[in-house]
């Protein structure tokens, strides 16, 4: 089974989402992907920009397309 996790928020939230997804995938045997689409519209609606930052770390990260 594949599960897609939506990634939102700042770096702390992103790391929490990644850690939770990773733990559940290891326990249940799910394949996981991450959806960073939230960041494509965020700067247009807020006065400060958020960025997808998980890709700056050496993580097992598969992006959903």
Protein backbone atom coordinates (compact mmCIF):
# COMPACT_ATOMS: atom_id res chain seq x y z
CA UNK A 1 0.00 0.00 0.00
CA UNK A 2 1.24 3.51 -0.82
CA UNK A 3 0.43 6.46 1.40
CA UNK A 4 0.90 10.10 0.38
CA UNK A 5 1.58 12.58 3.16
CA UNK A 6 0.87 16.27 2.63
CA UNK A 7 3.77 18.37 3.91
CA UNK A 8 2.81 21.77 5.36
CA UNK A 9 4.21 24.41 7.68
CA UNK A 10 7.71 25.37 8.66
CA UNK A 11 10.76 23.17 9.16
CA UNK A 12 9.63 21.87 12.57
CA UNK A 13 6.28 20.74 11.21
CA UNK A 14 7.92 19.18 8.17
CA UNK A 15 10.31 17.16 10.34
CA UNK A 16 7.43 16.01 12.54
CA UNK A 17 5.41 14.91 9.50
CA UNK A 18 8.43 13.06 8.09
CA UNK A 19 9.19 11.28 11.39
CA UNK A 20 5.56 10.25 11.87
CA UNK A 21 5.25 8.98 8.31
CA UNK A 22 8.54 7.09 8.55
CA UNK A 23 7.53 5.40 11.80
CA UNK A 24 4.12 4.34 10.50
CA UNK A 25 5.64 3.07 7.25
CA UNK A 26 8.12 0.93 9.18
CA UNK A 27 5.44 -0.48 11.50
CA UNK A 28 2.83 -1.16 8.82
CA UNK A 29 5.08 -1.80 5.82
CA UNK A 30 3.59 1.03 3.74
CA UNK A 31 5.44 2.78 0.94
CA UNK A 32 5.32 6.52 1.56
CA UNK A 33 5.50 9.59 -0.64
CA UNK A 34 5.41 13.24 0.31
CA UNK A 35 3.32 15.94 -1.35
CA UNK A 36 4.86 19.45 -1.10
CA UNK A 37 2.17 21.12 -3.28
CA UNK A 38 1.23 23.36 -0.33
CA UNK A 39 4.35 25.44 -0.96
CA UNK A 40 3.41 26.29 -4.53
CA UNK A 41 0.58 28.57 -3.35
CA UNK A 42 1.71 29.60 0.16
CA UNK A 43 3.79 32.72 -0.76
CA UNK A 44 0.91 34.10 -2.80
CA UNK A 45 -1.41 34.23 0.21
CA UNK A 46 0.85 35.24 3.10
CA UNK A 47 3.19 38.07 3.97
CA UNK A 48 6.04 35.67 4.75
CA UNK A 49 7.12 32.73 2.65
CA UNK A 50 7.42 29.13 3.75
CA UNK A 51 9.60 26.71 1.85
CA UNK A 52 9.76 22.96 1.45
CA UNK A 53 12.96 22.19 3.35
CA UNK A 54 13.02 18.42 3.80
CA UNK A 55 14.94 18.07 0.55
CA UNK A 56 17.88 19.90 2.18
CA UNK A 57 18.55 16.90 4.41
CA UNK A 58 19.88 13.44 3.61
CA UNK A 59 16.50 11.70 3.98
CA UNK A 60 14.80 8.85 2.18
CA UNK A 61 12.31 11.12 0.48
CA UNK A 62 10.07 10.22 -2.43
CA UNK A 63 8.05 13.11 -3.80
CA UNK A 64 4.51 12.46 -5.07
CA UNK A 65 3.83 13.72 -8.59
